[in-house]
Amino acid sequence: MSLEDEFGFPVKCISEGHVKILVPQGVGEVDPSSLPVFYNPASKISRDLAVLAVEGYFAGKTGLSMCEPLAGCGVRTIRIMLESGVIERAVAGDINKNAAKLISANAAINGLSERVKALHIDANLLLARMHAEHERVDYVDIDPAGSPARFLENACRATSKNGLLGASATDLAALSGASASTALWRYSIHLAKTVFLKEVAARSLAGFIVMSASRLGLAARPVLTVVHRHFIRVFASLERGKSRALEASSGIGYLVHCRACLSTRKAAFPALIDSKCHECGGQLVVLGPLWLGVLNDEAVLDRILKSRKIDDPTYGDAYKILRGIAGEIQDIPYYYPVAELARRAKTSPPKVSRLVEKLRELGYKASTTHHDYSAIKTDAPPKSLVELVKDAAA
């Protein structure tokens, strides 16, 4: 029997990372959602990051378990198992009946037949069943096409104590505030357009995960957060206990932003916010609830950056992003595009590195950001930034 007869559609063998997998013919030529089984080659870097995050978070541990309820062809599960070295067994499910066949075949190709259980099942049903049957796992990975919102509560339920949850979103328009109405009905978050769209997107998703966990008496804390091209990915640790959930929820708050002068500040409660900017009298917009705490755990990031994988070209693009994150200021939840500052200063943009250096000389915090390498994070007032850009051009 040919492979096409076995699966009911033509397939081909490809390599990704350090594994070989079967994928439908047409990969890279047509929209991934139109394939008999979903596989997006453009998401390789997301899977690279998942391998590194699992290895970094669970460093020194082995024999752990994971579940991927939206597994597609199973490449993420298989790569995490073989490349991280910490996962012993996995459940990989998908509502597409073709996917379960392909997952099983790909597990066999990579010598994992006895360690990967492939299931044809709805994602929420799988996660809820794992919780109900006390079969929680150490790592749950949610990687939908679009929003992860409807899966997150059950994903939290299915994750073990001190486990790790990884969740992706590709609906950046909603999470960034570009589509405020979608953000409201899908995530119950009030957003508006700002100049720091990607920061808003990251903190929207992180905050939604924290709040989803908190409703269940669980404490979620982001340990690694990446925004890259078409996706956001948040990895969050999970602990049990109402007091821990309350403590984690203290990182939730609001940003008050003036689009007229770019001033931005944190606020605990929107009811206490004035409608006019104290700096310029402009109209304020309120963004939230968002996660305003640290998005990246220094210890986890440090372990990843010290891994031997840093010399492996498979992870080259991922490490470029992670080095950028390591250099970012973590406690400033917004950034300023230098081009926007230059537009307001009516001059050409200076070099970002020179602007960061000058701000540090003046005693301000300043860094670049992986969200936008032509932007800066700083606690300097926007009015001073515009003047500094103007002086740099003189």
Protein backbone atom coordinates (compact mmCIF):
# COMPACT_ATOMS: atom_id res chain seq x y z
CA MET A 1 0.00 0.00 0.00
CA SER A 2 1.37 3.43 -0.93
CA LEU A 3 1.53 6.27 1.59
CA GLU A 4 -1.15 8.11 -0.37
CA ASP A 5 -3.44 5.09 -0.08
CA GLU A 6 -2.68 4.79 3.63
CA PHE A 7 -3.46 8.40 4.48
CA GLY A 8 -5.94 9.24 1.74
CA PHE A 9 -3.86 12.17 0.49
CA PRO A 10 -0.33 12.58 -0.95
CA VAL A 11 2.49 13.18 1.54
CA LYS A 12 6.19 13.94 1.45
CA CYS A 13 9.02 13.55 3.94
CA ILE A 14 10.78 16.70 5.17
CA SER A 15 13.23 17.61 7.92
CA GLU A 16 12.65 20.23 10.61
CA GLY A 17 15.07 20.76 13.44
CA HIS A 18 16.49 17.32 14.20
CA VAL A 19 13.48 15.26 13.16
CA LYS A 20 12.00 13.88 9.96
CA ILE A 21 8.26 14.08 9.40
CA LEU A 22 5.62 13.33 6.82
CA VAL A 23 3.55 16.34 5.76
CA PRO A 24 0.89 16.78 3.06
CA GLN A 25 2.00 17.60 -0.45
CA GLY A 26 1.49 21.30 -1.08
CA VAL A 27 3.22 22.52 2.08
CA GLY A 28 4.79 25.89 1.30
CA GLU A 29 2.64 26.29 -1.80
CA VAL A 30 -0.87 26.72 -0.39
CA ASP A 31 -2.43 28.16 2.77
CA PRO A 32 -1.69 25.70 5.63
CA SER A 33 -5.35 25.70 6.67
CA SER A 34 -6.33 24.24 3.29
CA LEU A 35 -4.09 21.17 3.72
CA PRO A 36 -5.54 17.78 4.74
CA VAL A 37 -3.46 18.11 7.95
CA PHE A 38 -2.22 21.45 9.25
CA TYR A 39 1.49 22.21 9.02
CA ASN A 40 2.93 25.73 8.74
CA PRO A 41 6.65 25.86 7.88
CA ALA A 42 6.72 29.56 8.81
CA SER A 43 6.07 28.55 12.44
CA LYS A 44 9.34 26.64 12.76
CA ILE A 45 10.77 29.42 14.93
CA SER A 46 7.79 29.09 17.29
CA ARG A 47 8.60 25.40 17.65
CA ASP A 48 12.31 26.22 18.14
CA LEU A 49 11.31 28.51 21.01
CA ALA A 50 9.10 25.80 22.52
CA VAL A 51 12.03 23.35 22.58
CA LEU A 52 14.28 25.94 24.24
CA ALA A 53 11.63 27.06 26.75
CA VAL A 54 10.82 23.51 27.88
CA GLU A 55 14.50 22.66 28.23
CA GLY A 56 15.25 25.91 30.09
CA TYR A 57 12.28 25.77 32.45
CA PHE A 58 12.66 22.08 33.38
CA ALA A 59 16.48 22.12 33.37
CA GLY A 60 17.94 19.05 35.10
CA LYS A 61 14.68 17.08 35.03
CA THR A 62 13.78 14.06 32.91
CA GLY A 63 10.87 11.66 32.52
CA LEU A 64 8.25 14.40 32.24
CA SER A 65 4.99 14.47 30.29
CA MET A 66 3.29 16.84 27.86
CA CYS A 67 0.08 17.32 25.93
CA GLU A 68 -0.49 19.11 22.64
CA PRO A 69 -4.24 19.11 21.93
CA LEU A 70 -3.98 20.96 18.58
CA ALA A 71 -1.11 18.90 17.25
CA GLY A 72 -1.62 18.89 13.48
CA CYS A 73 1.04 16.57 12.07
CA GLY A 74 2.71 16.28 15.50
CA VAL A 75 5.98 18.01 14.66
CA ARG A 76 5.97 20.24 17.76
CA THR A 77 5.45 17.32 20.14
CA ILE A 78 8.07 15.17 18.42
CA ARG A 79 10.66 17.94 18.34
CA ILE A 80 10.14 18.82 22.00
CA MET A 81 10.51 15.18 23.00
CA LEU A 82 13.65 14.49 20.99
CA GLU A 83 15.37 17.86 21.24
CA SER A 84 14.65 19.05 24.79
CA GLY A 85 15.60 15.76 26.45
CA VAL A 86 13.14 16.21 29.32
CA ILE A 87 9.84 14.80 28.00
CA GLU A 88 9.35 11.03 28.25
CA ARG A 89 5.73 10.65 27.16
CA ALA A 90 3.20 12.75 25.29
CA VAL A 91 -0.43 12.95 24.26
CA ALA A 92 -0.93 14.60 20.87
CA GLY A 93 -4.52 15.18 19.81
CA ASP A 94 -6.35 16.86 16.97
CA ILE A 95 -9.99 17.15 15.93
CA ASN A 96 -8.94 16.33 12.35
CA LYS A 97 -9.10 12.53 11.91
CA ASN A 98 -6.35 12.69 9.28
CA ALA A 99 -4.02 14.30 11.83
CA ALA A 100 -4.09 11.39 14.28
CA LYS A 101 -2.93 9.00 11.54
CA LEU A 102 -0.11 11.32 10.55
CA ILE A 103 0.96 11.90 14.18
CA SER A 104 1.22 8.14 14.71
CA ALA A 105 3.27 7.73 11.53
CA ASN A 106 5.59 10.59 12.44
CA ALA A 107 6.08 9.23 15.95
CA ALA A 108 7.05 5.87 14.43
CA ILE A 109 9.51 7.45 11.98
CA ASN A 110 11.26 9.08 14.94
CA GLY A 111 11.24 6.01 17.20
CA LEU A 112 8.53 7.32 19.52
CA SER A 113 5.65 4.91 18.87
CA GLU A 114 5.60 3.70 22.48
CA ARG A 115 5.88 7.18 23.96
CA VAL A 116 3.39 9.24 21.93
CA LYS A 117 -0.37 8.63 22.17
CA ALA A 118 -2.09 10.08 19.09
CA LEU A 119 -5.80 10.84 19.48
CA HIS A 120 -8.62 12.03 17.22
CA ILE A 121 -10.40 14.29 19.72
CA ASP A 122 -11.61 17.84 20.37
CA ALA A 123 -8.95 19.91 22.15
CA ASN A 124 -11.12 21.10 25.05
CA LEU A 125 -12.55 17.63 25.57
CA LEU A 126 -9.05 16.15 25.74
CA LEU A 127 -7.83 18.74 28.24
CA ALA A 128 -10.95 18.50 30.41
CA ARG A 129 -10.74 14.71 30.42
CA MET A 130 -7.08 14.81 31.51
CA HIS A 131 -8.05 17.02 34.43
CA ALA A 132 -11.09 14.94 35.38
CA GLU A 133 -9.12 11.68 35.25
CA HIS A 134 -6.20 13.15 37.20
CA GLU A 135 -3.83 12.71 34.28
CA ARG A 136 -2.34 16.19 34.32
CA VAL A 137 0.94 16.73 32.50
CA ASP A 138 4.02 18.83 33.13
CA TYR A 139 3.76 20.80 29.90
CA VAL A 140 0.73 21.81 27.84
CA ASP A 141 1.20 23.50 24.47
CA ILE A 142 -1.65 25.46 22.86
CA ASP A 143 -0.88 26.48 19.30
CA PRO A 144 -4.10 27.35 17.44
CA ALA A 145 -4.59 29.10 14.13
CA GLY A 146 -5.90 32.36 15.59
CA SER A 147 -6.85 32.88 19.23
CA PRO A 148 -6.09 30.51 22.13
CA ALA A 149 -8.78 32.11 24.32
CA ARG A 150 -11.29 29.24 24.32
CA PHE A 151 -8.65 26.66 25.25
CA LEU A 152 -6.80 28.36 28.08
CA GLU A 153 -8.92 27.47 31.12
CA ASN A 154 -8.90 23.77 30.27
CA ALA A 155 -5.18 24.00 29.44
CA CYS A 156 -4.56 25.37 32.93
CA ARG A 157 -6.64 22.58 34.46
CA ALA A 158 -4.62 19.93 32.60
CA THR A 159 -1.22 21.31 33.69
CA SER A 160 0.49 19.82 36.74
CA LYS A 161 1.58 21.77 39.81
CA ASN A 162 4.71 23.77 38.96
CA GLY A 163 4.15 22.86 35.32
CA LEU A 164 4.52 25.00 32.23
CA LEU A 165 1.90 26.26 29.80
CA GLY A 166 2.89 27.51 26.36
CA ALA A 167 0.30 29.40 24.31
CA SER A 168 0.45 31.06 20.92
CA ALA A 169 -1.83 33.63 19.30
CA THR A 170 -1.87 34.91 15.74
CA ASP A 171 -4.77 37.37 16.16
CA LEU A 172 -2.43 40.31 16.66
CA ALA A 173 -5.01 42.83 15.42
CA ALA A 174 -7.22 42.03 18.41
CA LEU A 175 -4.49 41.73 21.03
CA SER A 176 -2.63 44.87 19.94
CA GLY A 177 -5.65 47.18 19.89
CA ALA A 178 -5.79 47.55 16.13
CA SER A 179 -9.22 45.86 16.35
CA ALA A 180 -10.54 47.11 19.68
CA SER A 181 -14.00 45.60 19.30
CA THR A 182 -12.55 42.10 18.78
CA ALA A 183 -10.30 42.54 21.83
CA LEU A 184 -13.38 43.37 23.89
CA TRP A 185 -15.65 40.48 22.90
CA ARG A 186 -12.90 37.87 22.59
CA TYR A 187 -10.67 38.75 25.57
CA SER A 188 -12.77 41.22 27.64
CA ILE A 189 -9.92 43.72 27.30
CA HIS A 190 -10.36 47.42 26.47
CA LEU A 191 -7.71 48.45 23.96
CA ALA A 192 -6.94 51.23 21.51
CA LYS A 193 -4.27 51.88 18.92
CA THR A 194 -0.94 53.07 20.29
CA VAL A 195 2.61 53.42 18.99
CA PHE A 196 3.65 50.35 21.03
CA LEU A 197 1.23 47.84 19.51
CA LYS A 198 3.36 44.72 19.97
CA GLU A 199 4.02 45.41 23.65
CA VAL A 200 0.29 45.77 24.16
CA ALA A 201 -0.29 42.48 22.32
CA ALA A 202 2.21 40.60 24.50
CA ARG A 203 0.80 41.99 27.73
CA SER A 204 -2.79 41.39 26.61
CA LEU A 205 -2.16 37.69 26.03
CA ALA A 206 -0.04 37.31 29.17
CA GLY A 207 -2.73 39.04 31.22
CA PHE A 208 -5.48 36.88 29.78
CA ILE A 209 -3.53 33.73 30.71
CA VAL A 210 -2.97 35.00 34.26
CA MET A 211 -6.65 35.87 34.67
CA SER A 212 -7.80 32.55 33.15
CA ALA A 213 -5.65 30.69 35.68
CA SER A 214 -6.70 32.89 38.57
CA ARG A 215 -10.38 32.04 38.05
CA LEU A 216 -9.43 28.43 38.77
CA GLY A 217 -7.40 29.22 41.89
CA LEU A 218 -4.13 28.88 39.96
CA ALA A 219 -1.19 31.27 39.80
CA ALA A 220 0.23 31.81 36.31
CA ARG A 221 3.43 33.79 35.82
CA PRO A 222 5.00 34.53 32.43
CA VAL A 223 8.54 33.14 32.19
CA LEU A 224 9.20 33.79 28.48
CA THR A 225 7.28 36.04 26.08
CA VAL A 226 8.05 36.51 22.40
CA VAL A 227 6.39 38.57 19.67
CA HIS A 228 7.68 37.71 16.22
CA ARG A 229 6.21 38.27 12.79
CA HIS A 230 2.74 36.70 12.78
CA PHE A 231 2.58 35.30 16.33
CA ILE A 232 2.83 35.95 20.05
CA ARG A 233 4.01 33.15 22.32
CA VAL A 234 3.76 33.23 26.11
CA PHE A 235 5.19 30.52 28.35
CA ALA A 236 3.82 30.68 31.89
CA SER A 237 4.54 28.67 35.03
CA LEU A 238 1.54 27.39 36.98
CA GLU A 239 1.21 26.97 40.75
CA ARG A 240 -1.83 25.97 42.79
CA GLY A 241 -3.40 27.87 45.67
CA LYS A 242 -5.74 30.83 46.06
CA SER A 243 -3.16 32.95 47.89
CA ARG A 244 -0.66 32.41 45.08
CA ALA A 245 -3.37 33.20 42.52
CA LEU A 246 -4.13 36.44 44.34
CA GLU A 247 -0.45 37.36 44.42
CA ALA A 248 -0.05 36.65 40.70
CA SER A 249 -3.15 38.72 39.95
CA SER A 250 -1.50 41.74 41.55
CA GLY A 251 0.52 42.00 38.33
CA ILE A 252 -2.66 42.83 36.41
CA GLY A 253 -3.42 46.50 35.80
CA TYR A 254 -4.00 49.21 33.22
CA LEU A 255 -1.97 51.54 31.04
CA VAL A 256 -3.09 55.13 30.61
CA HIS A 257 -1.84 56.54 27.32
CA CYS A 258 -2.04 59.95 25.68
CA ARG A 259 -1.85 59.74 21.92
CA ALA A 260 -1.25 63.49 21.71
CA CYS A 261 2.02 63.62 23.67
CA LEU A 262 2.80 59.85 24.04
CA SER A 263 2.93 59.93 27.84
CA THR A 264 2.08 56.55 29.38
CA ARG A 265 1.66 55.46 32.98
CA LYS A 266 0.45 52.44 34.95
CA ALA A 267 -2.80 52.44 36.91
CA ALA A 268 -4.32 49.88 39.25
CA PHE A 269 -8.00 50.76 38.67
CA PRO A 270 -9.57 52.51 35.65
CA ALA A 271 -12.17 54.27 37.81
CA LEU A 272 -9.42 56.43 39.31
CA ILE A 273 -8.18 57.70 35.94
CA ASP A 274 -8.78 61.27 34.73
CA SER A 275 -10.01 61.70 31.17
CA LYS A 276 -7.47 64.42 30.33
CA CYS A 277 -3.67 64.12 30.18
CA HIS A 278 -1.85 65.93 32.99
CA GLU A 279 1.04 66.71 30.62
CA CYS A 280 -0.74 68.24 27.62
CA GLY A 281 -4.49 68.17 28.25
CA GLY A 282 -5.04 65.60 25.50
CA GLN A 283 -7.62 62.85 25.58
CA LEU A 284 -6.44 59.70 27.38
CA VAL A 285 -7.07 56.10 26.35
CA VAL A 286 -7.12 53.30 28.92
CA LEU A 287 -5.71 49.89 28.01
CA GLY A 288 -6.48 46.83 30.05
CA PRO A 289 -6.60 44.76 32.03
CA LEU A 290 -3.05 43.82 31.03
CA TRP A 291 -0.12 42.01 32.61
CA LEU A 292 2.18 44.77 33.89
CA GLY A 293 4.71 42.52 35.61
CA VAL A 294 7.86 40.94 34.24
CA LEU A 295 7.33 39.08 30.96
CA ASN A 296 10.57 37.08 31.07
CA ASP A 297 12.09 35.17 33.98
CA GLU A 298 15.78 36.02 34.24
CA ALA A 299 16.81 32.57 35.49
CA VAL A 300 14.96 30.69 32.73
CA LEU A 301 16.32 33.02 30.06
CA ASP A 302 19.83 32.68 31.46
CA ARG A 303 19.65 28.88 31.33
CA ILE A 304 18.47 29.00 27.72
CA LEU A 305 21.26 31.37 26.74
CA LYS A 306 23.84 29.09 28.39
CA SER A 307 22.55 25.95 26.68
CA ARG A 308 24.78 24.12 24.22
CA LYS A 309 22.03 24.67 21.68
CA ILE A 310 23.24 28.24 21.27
CA ASP A 311 25.83 26.91 18.79
CA ASP A 312 23.28 24.82 16.88
CA PRO A 313 22.25 26.60 13.64
CA THR A 314 18.77 25.07 13.98
CA TYR A 315 18.07 27.61 16.72
CA GLY A 316 19.97 30.56 15.24
CA ASP A 317 16.95 32.78 14.62
CA ALA A 318 15.43 31.94 18.00
CA TYR A 319 18.62 32.86 19.82
CA LYS A 320 18.80 36.16 17.98
CA ILE A 321 15.40 37.03 19.44
CA LEU A 322 16.31 35.74 22.91
CA ARG A 323 19.49 37.80 23.04
CA GLY A 324 17.38 40.85 22.21
CA ILE A 325 14.97 40.00 25.02
CA ALA A 326 17.86 39.57 27.46
CA GLY A 327 18.94 43.16 26.80
CA GLU A 328 15.47 44.65 27.26
CA ILE A 329 14.25 46.64 30.24
CA GLN A 330 11.61 44.40 31.83
CA ASP A 331 9.71 46.85 34.03
CA ILE A 332 8.71 49.43 31.41
CA PRO A 333 5.55 48.18 29.63
CA TYR A 334 5.75 50.41 26.55
CA TYR A 335 8.20 51.69 23.97
CA TYR A 336 8.74 54.62 21.59
CA PRO A 337 9.41 54.13 17.86
CA VAL A 338 12.31 56.43 17.04
CA ALA A 339 10.72 57.26 13.69
CA GLU A 340 7.66 58.61 15.53
CA LEU A 341 9.85 60.71 17.82
CA ALA A 342 11.70 62.06 14.78
CA ARG A 343 8.40 62.88 13.05
CA ARG A 344 7.36 64.94 16.07
CA ALA A 345 10.79 66.58 16.16
CA LYS A 346 10.50 67.29 12.41
CA THR A 347 13.86 65.71 11.68
CA SER A 348 15.33 62.44 10.44
CA PRO A 349 15.62 59.55 12.93
CA PRO A 350 18.98 59.22 14.74
CA LYS A 351 20.66 55.85 15.29
CA VAL A 352 18.78 53.90 17.94
CA SER A 353 22.02 52.77 19.61
CA ARG A 354 23.22 56.36 19.93
CA LEU A 355 19.92 57.48 21.44
CA VAL A 356 20.02 54.64 23.99
CA GLU A 357 23.59 55.57 24.89
CA LYS A 358 22.72 59.25 25.33
CA LEU A 359 19.72 58.47 27.52
CA ARG A 360 21.86 56.31 29.79
CA GLU A 361 24.43 59.10 30.04
CA LEU A 362 21.63 61.37 31.24
CA GLY A 363 20.69 58.87 33.95
CA TYR A 364 17.62 57.34 32.36
CA LYS A 365 16.88 53.67 31.87
CA ALA A 366 17.06 52.83 28.17
CA SER A 367 17.21 49.78 25.92
CA THR A 368 16.13 48.47 22.57
CA THR A 369 13.24 45.99 22.33
CA HIS A 370 12.79 42.81 20.31
CA HIS A 371 9.27 44.01 19.50
CA ASP A 372 10.73 46.69 17.24
CA TYR A 373 14.47 47.16 16.82
CA SER A 374 13.88 50.71 15.61
CA ALA A 375 12.24 51.61 18.94
CA ILE A 376 13.46 52.27 22.48
CA LYS A 377 12.24 51.48 25.98
CA THR A 378 12.97 54.25 28.43
CA ASP A 379 11.63 56.03 31.50
CA ALA A 380 12.54 59.41 30.01
CA PRO A 381 9.51 61.69 29.46
CA PRO A 382 8.36 61.78 25.82
CA LYS A 383 8.81 65.55 25.68
CA SER A 384 12.49 65.11 26.61
CA LEU A 385 12.82 62.34 24.03
CA VAL A 386 11.55 64.58 21.24
CA GLU A 387 14.00 67.31 22.28
CA LEU A 388 16.84 64.79 22.44
CA VAL A 389 16.06 63.57 18.92
CA LYS A 390 15.94 67.17 17.72
CA ASP A 391 19.33 67.92 19.32
CA ALA A 392 20.83 64.76 17.80
CA ALA A 393 20.00 66.08 14.33
CA ALA A 394 21.44 69.54 14.98
